[in-house]
Amino acid sequence: MKRIHVWENHVSIPHLNLVLVRPADETLSETLGSLSRRGIGIDAADVEVHGDVRTD
């Protein structure tokens, strides 16, 4: 099971029991950078993207 789930309007991190609001105009790389700055380990194998998340 993936540890980080990125949706259009939120990020879910079940193992930390955490849900974060995500701006609609934020790109995937911006979201992952924000999580990294918060000290949340980002491993590409642990990230699952759902829906129409912007990647550009």
PDB file of N, CA and C in Angstrom:
ATOM      1  N   MET A   1       0.839  -1.188   0.000  1.00  0.00           N
ATOM      2  CA  MET A   1       0.000   0.000   0.000  1.00  0.00           C
ATOM      3  C   MET A   1       0.883   1.250   0.000  1.00  0.00           C
ATOM      4  N   LYS A   2       0.502   2.219  -0.815  1.00  0.00           N
ATOM      5  CA  LYS A   2       1.234   3.483  -0.883  1.00  0.00           C
ATOM      6  C   LYS A   2       1.032   4.262   0.415  1.00  0.00           C
ATOM      7  N   ARG A   3       2.046   5.036   0.799  1.00  0.00           N
ATOM      8  CA  ARG A   3       1.982   5.772   2.062  1.00  0.00           C
ATOM      9  C   ARG A   3       1.443   7.188   1.905  1.00  0.00           C
ATOM     10  N   ILE A   4       1.526   7.752   0.697  1.00  0.00           N
ATOM     11  CA  ILE A   4       1.061   9.119   0.454  1.00  0.00           C
ATOM     12  C   ILE A   4       0.115   9.102  -0.734  1.00  0.00           C
ATOM     13  N   HIS A   5      -1.090   9.650  -0.547  1.00  0.00           N
ATOM     14  CA  HIS A   5      -2.099   9.689  -1.602  1.00  0.00           C
ATOM     15  C   HIS A   5      -2.397  11.156  -1.920  1.00  0.00           C
ATOM     16  N   VAL A   6      -2.163  11.539  -3.168  1.00  0.00           N
ATOM     17  CA  VAL A   6      -2.368  12.925  -3.592  1.00  0.00           C
ATOM     18  C   VAL A   6      -3.625  12.997  -4.445  1.00  0.00           C
ATOM     19  N   TRP A   7      -4.570  13.831  -4.011  1.00  0.00           N
ATOM     20  CA  TRP A   7      -5.814  14.080  -4.725  1.00  0.00           C
ATOM     21  C   TRP A   7      -5.814  15.529  -5.182  1.00  0.00           C
ATOM     22  N   GLU A   8      -6.787  15.923  -5.998  1.00  0.00           N
ATOM     23  CA  GLU A   8      -6.864  17.298  -6.503  1.00  0.00           C
ATOM     24  C   GLU A   8      -6.892  18.335  -5.387  1.00  0.00           C
ATOM     25  N   ASN A   9      -7.618  18.055  -4.311  1.00  0.00           N
ATOM     26  CA  ASN A   9      -7.802  19.079  -3.283  1.00  0.00           C
ATOM     27  C   ASN A   9      -7.249  18.710  -1.907  1.00  0.00           C
ATOM     28  N   HIS A  10      -6.616  17.550  -1.787  1.00  0.00           N
ATOM     29  CA  HIS A  10      -6.021  17.184  -0.501  1.00  0.00           C
ATOM     30  C   HIS A  10      -4.955  16.099  -0.667  1.00  0.00           C
ATOM     31  N   VAL A  11      -4.185  15.948   0.391  1.00  0.00           N
ATOM     32  CA  VAL A  11      -3.173  14.890   0.467  1.00  0.00           C
ATOM     33  C   VAL A  11      -3.497  14.062   1.696  1.00  0.00           C
ATOM     34  N   SER A  12      -3.549  12.762   1.524  1.00  0.00           N
ATOM     35  CA  SER A  12      -3.834  11.858   2.626  1.00  0.00           C
ATOM     36  C   SER A  12      -2.578  11.044   2.937  1.00  0.00           C
ATOM     37  N   ILE A  13      -2.228  11.012   4.227  1.00  0.00           N
ATOM     38  CA  ILE A  13      -1.074  10.233   4.677  1.00  0.00           C
ATOM     39  C   ILE A  13      -1.574   9.342   5.815  1.00  0.00           C
ATOM     40  N   PRO A  14      -2.149   8.191   5.449  1.00  0.00           N
ATOM     41  CA  PRO A  14      -2.821   7.331   6.433  1.00  0.00           C
ATOM     42  C   PRO A  14      -1.939   6.885   7.602  1.00  0.00           C
ATOM     43  N   HIS A  15      -0.679   6.562   7.348  1.00  0.00           N
ATOM     44  CA  HIS A  15       0.161   6.053   8.440  1.00  0.00           C
ATOM     45  C   HIS A  15       0.435   7.117   9.499  1.00  0.00           C
ATOM     46  N   LEU A  16       0.241   8.392   9.167  1.00  0.00           N
ATOM     47  CA  LEU A  16       0.361   9.491  10.138  1.00  0.00           C
ATOM     48  C   LEU A  16      -1.002   9.995  10.586  1.00  0.00           C
ATOM     49  N   ASN A  17      -2.074   9.364  10.064  1.00  0.00           N
ATOM     50  CA  ASN A  17      -3.445   9.803  10.340  1.00  0.00           C
ATOM     51  C   ASN A  17      -3.589  11.295  10.028  1.00  0.00           C
ATOM     52  N   LEU A  18      -3.140  11.688   8.834  1.00  0.00           N
ATOM     53  CA  LEU A  18      -3.049  13.095   8.457  1.00  0.00           C
ATOM     54  C   LEU A  18      -3.686  13.338   7.092  1.00  0.00           C
ATOM     55  N   VAL A  19      -4.471  14.414   7.006  1.00  0.00           N
ATOM     56  CA  VAL A  19      -5.036  14.872   5.743  1.00  0.00           C
ATOM     57  C   VAL A  19      -4.735  16.362   5.650  1.00  0.00           C
ATOM     58  N   LEU A  20      -4.101  16.775   4.556  1.00  0.00           N
ATOM     59  CA  LEU A  20      -3.740  18.174   4.352  1.00  0.00           C
ATOM     60  C   LEU A  20      -4.493  18.747   3.160  1.00  0.00           C
ATOM     61  N   VAL A  21      -4.966  19.974   3.298  1.00  0.00           N
ATOM     62  CA  VAL A  21      -5.622  20.665   2.186  1.00  0.00           C
ATOM     63  C   VAL A  21      -4.571  20.991   1.141  1.00  0.00           C
ATOM     64  N   ARG A  22      -4.954  20.871  -0.119  1.00  0.00           N
ATOM     65  CA  ARG A  22      -4.037  21.115  -1.230  1.00  0.00           C
ATOM     66  C   ARG A  22      -4.691  22.108  -2.185  1.00  0.00           C
ATOM     67  N   PRO A  23      -4.020  23.259  -2.450  1.00  0.00           N
ATOM     68  CA  PRO A  23      -4.580  24.234  -3.401  1.00  0.00           C
ATOM     69  C   PRO A  23      -4.784  23.611  -4.782  1.00  0.00           C
ATOM     70  N   ALA A  24      -5.869  23.939  -5.433  1.00  0.00           N
ATOM     71  CA  ALA A  24      -6.217  23.352  -6.733  1.00  0.00           C
ATOM     72  C   ALA A  24      -5.194  23.676  -7.817  1.00  0.00           C
ATOM     73  N   ASP A  25      -4.528  24.831  -7.720  1.00  0.00           N
ATOM     74  CA  ASP A  25      -3.576  25.224  -8.760  1.00  0.00           C
ATOM     75  C   ASP A  25      -2.146  24.758  -8.465  1.00  0.00           C
ATOM     76  N   GLU A  26      -1.959  24.004  -7.403  1.00  0.00           N
ATOM     77  CA  GLU A  26      -0.627  23.523  -7.030  1.00  0.00           C
ATOM     78  C   GLU A  26      -0.269  22.292  -7.860  1.00  0.00           C
ATOM     79  N   THR A  27       0.962  22.268  -8.378  1.00  0.00           N
ATOM     80  CA  THR A  27       1.412  21.115  -9.156  1.00  0.00           C
ATOM     81  C   THR A  27       1.861  19.997  -8.216  1.00  0.00           C
ATOM     82  N   LEU A  28       2.008  18.817  -8.758  1.00  0.00           N
ATOM     83  CA  LEU A  28       2.447  17.673  -7.973  1.00  0.00           C
ATOM     84  C   LEU A  28       3.823  17.932  -7.368  1.00  0.00           C
ATOM     85  N   SER A  29       4.740  18.489  -8.137  1.00  0.00           N
ATOM     86  CA  SER A  29       6.085  18.742  -7.614  1.00  0.00           C
ATOM     87  C   SER A  29       6.051  19.763  -6.477  1.00  0.00           C
ATOM     88  N   GLU A  30       5.175  20.761  -6.565  1.00  0.00           N
ATOM     89  CA  GLU A  30       5.043  21.732  -5.478  1.00  0.00           C
ATOM     90  C   GLU A  30       4.503  21.057  -4.216  1.00  0.00           C
ATOM     91  N   THR A  31       3.535  20.181  -4.387  1.00  0.00           N
ATOM     92  CA  THR A  31       2.970  19.457  -3.253  1.00  0.00           C
ATOM     93  C   THR A  31       4.023  18.588  -2.581  1.00  0.00           C
ATOM     94  N   LEU A  32       4.773  17.836  -3.377  1.00  0.00           N
ATOM     95  CA  LEU A  32       5.801  16.962  -2.811  1.00  0.00           C
ATOM     96  C   LEU A  32       6.906  17.771  -2.145  1.00  0.00           C
ATOM     97  N   GLY A  33       7.259  18.910  -2.718  1.00  0.00           N
ATOM     98  CA  GLY A  33       8.252  19.792  -2.105  1.00  0.00           C
ATOM     99  C   GLY A  33       7.772  20.315  -0.769  1.00  0.00           C
ATOM    100  N   SER A  34       6.514  20.679  -0.697  1.00  0.00           N
ATOM    101  CA  SER A  34       5.922  21.166   0.550  1.00  0.00           C
ATOM    102  C   SER A  34       5.947  20.085   1.623  1.00  0.00           C
ATOM    103  N   LEU A  35       5.618  18.865   1.248  1.00  0.00           N
ATOM    104  CA  LEU A  35       5.649  17.756   2.211  1.00  0.00           C
ATOM    105  C   LEU A  35       7.076  17.507   2.695  1.00  0.00           C
ATOM    106  N   SER A  36       8.014  17.564   1.796  1.00  0.00           N
ATOM    107  CA  SER A  36       9.416  17.361   2.150  1.00  0.00           C
ATOM    108  C   SER A  36       9.902  18.430   3.127  1.00  0.00           C
ATOM    109  N   ARG A  37       9.529  19.689   2.881  1.00  0.00           N
ATOM    110  CA  ARG A  37       9.919  20.772   3.791  1.00  0.00           C
ATOM    111  C   ARG A  37       9.309  20.596   5.177  1.00  0.00           C
ATOM    112  N   ARG A  38       8.196  19.906   5.250  1.00  0.00           N
ATOM    113  CA  ARG A  38       7.549  19.630   6.546  1.00  0.00           C
ATOM    114  C   ARG A  38       8.149  18.416   7.241  1.00  0.00           C
ATOM    115  N   GLY A  39       9.131  17.810   6.611  1.00  0.00           N
ATOM    116  CA  GLY A  39       9.802  16.664   7.211  1.00  0.00           C
ATOM    117  C   GLY A  39       9.158  15.328   6.918  1.00  0.00           C
ATOM    118  N   ILE A  40       8.238  15.299   5.977  1.00  0.00           N
ATOM    119  CA  ILE A  40       7.581  14.053   5.587  1.00  0.00           C
ATOM    120  C   ILE A  40       8.383  13.431   4.455  1.00  0.00           C
ATOM    121  N   GLY A  41       8.908  12.250   4.682  1.00  0.00           N
ATOM    122  CA  GLY A  41       9.745  11.576   3.693  1.00  0.00           C
ATOM    123  C   GLY A  41       8.993  11.280   2.411  1.00  0.00           C
ATOM    124  N   ILE A  42       9.582  11.673   1.307  1.00  0.00           N
ATOM    125  CA  ILE A  42       8.959  11.471   0.001  1.00  0.00           C
ATOM    126  C   ILE A  42       9.795  10.459  -0.784  1.00  0.00           C
ATOM    127  N   ASP A  43       9.219   9.319  -1.052  1.00  0.00           N
ATOM    128  CA  ASP A  43       9.842   8.304  -1.888  1.00  0.00           C
ATOM    129  C   ASP A  43       8.862   8.043  -3.028  1.00  0.00           C
ATOM    130  N   ALA A  44       9.323   8.177  -4.259  1.00  0.00           N
ATOM    131  CA  ALA A  44       8.441   8.036  -5.420  1.00  0.00           C
ATOM    132  C   ALA A  44       7.645   6.730  -5.388  1.00  0.00           C
ATOM    133  N   ALA A  45       8.208   5.684  -4.843  1.00  0.00           N
ATOM    134  CA  ALA A  45       7.511   4.397  -4.779  1.00  0.00           C
ATOM    135  C   ALA A  45       6.360   4.415  -3.773  1.00  0.00           C
ATOM    136  N   ASP A  46       6.341   5.406  -2.882  1.00  0.00           N
ATOM    137  CA  ASP A  46       5.308   5.481  -1.849  1.00  0.00           C
ATOM    138  C   ASP A  46       4.217   6.502  -2.148  1.00  0.00           C
ATOM    139  N   VAL A  47       4.252   7.127  -3.334  1.00  0.00           N
ATOM    140  CA  VAL A  47       3.284   8.171  -3.675  1.00  0.00           C
ATOM    141  C   VAL A  47       2.312   7.639  -4.731  1.00  0.00           C
ATOM    142  N   GLU A  48       1.026   7.779  -4.447  1.00  0.00           N
ATOM    143  CA  GLU A  48      -0.010   7.417  -5.417  1.00  0.00           C
ATOM    144  C   GLU A  48      -0.818   8.669  -5.742  1.00  0.00           C
ATOM    145  N   VAL A  49      -0.990   8.937  -7.027  1.00  0.00           N
ATOM    146  CA  VAL A  49      -1.712  10.120  -7.491  1.00  0.00           C
ATOM    147  C   VAL A  49      -3.085   9.690  -7.980  1.00  0.00           C
ATOM    148  N   HIS A  50      -4.123  10.421  -7.548  1.00  0.00           N
ATOM    149  CA  HIS A  50      -5.506  10.100  -7.883  1.00  0.00           C
ATOM    150  C   HIS A  50      -6.145  11.265  -8.637  1.00  0.00           C
ATOM    151  N   GLY A  51      -7.026  10.960  -9.550  1.00  0.00           N
ATOM    152  CA  GLY A  51      -7.801  12.007 -10.236  1.00  0.00           C
ATOM    153  C   GLY A  51      -6.975  12.840 -11.198  1.00  0.00           C
ATOM    154  N   ASP A  52      -7.343  14.116 -11.298  1.00  0.00           N
ATOM    155  CA  ASP A  52      -6.738  15.018 -12.269  1.00  0.00           C
ATOM    156  C   ASP A  52      -5.722  15.959 -11.626  1.00  0.00           C
ATOM    157  N   VAL A  53      -4.733  15.421 -10.944  1.00  0.00           N
ATOM    158  CA  VAL A  53      -3.703  16.228 -10.309  1.00  0.00           C
ATOM    159  C   VAL A  53      -2.772  16.801 -11.386  1.00  0.00           C
ATOM    160  N   ARG A  54      -2.526  18.107 -11.317  1.00  0.00           N
ATOM    161  CA  ARG A  54      -1.624  18.754 -12.277  1.00  0.00           C
ATOM    162  C   ARG A  54      -0.193  18.287 -12.044  1.00  0.00           C
ATOM    163  N   THR A  55       0.465  17.894 -13.116  1.00  0.00           N
ATOM    164  CA  THR A  55       1.855  17.462 -12.996  1.00  0.00           C
ATOM    165  C   THR A  55       2.819  18.430 -13.655  1.00  0.00           C
ATOM    166  N   ASP A  56       2.311  19.469 -14.325  1.00  0.00           N
ATOM    167  CA  ASP A  56       3.209  20.429 -15.000  1.00  0.00           C
ATOM    168  C   ASP A  56       3.525  21.605 -14.124  1.00  0.00           C
TER     169      ASP A  56
END
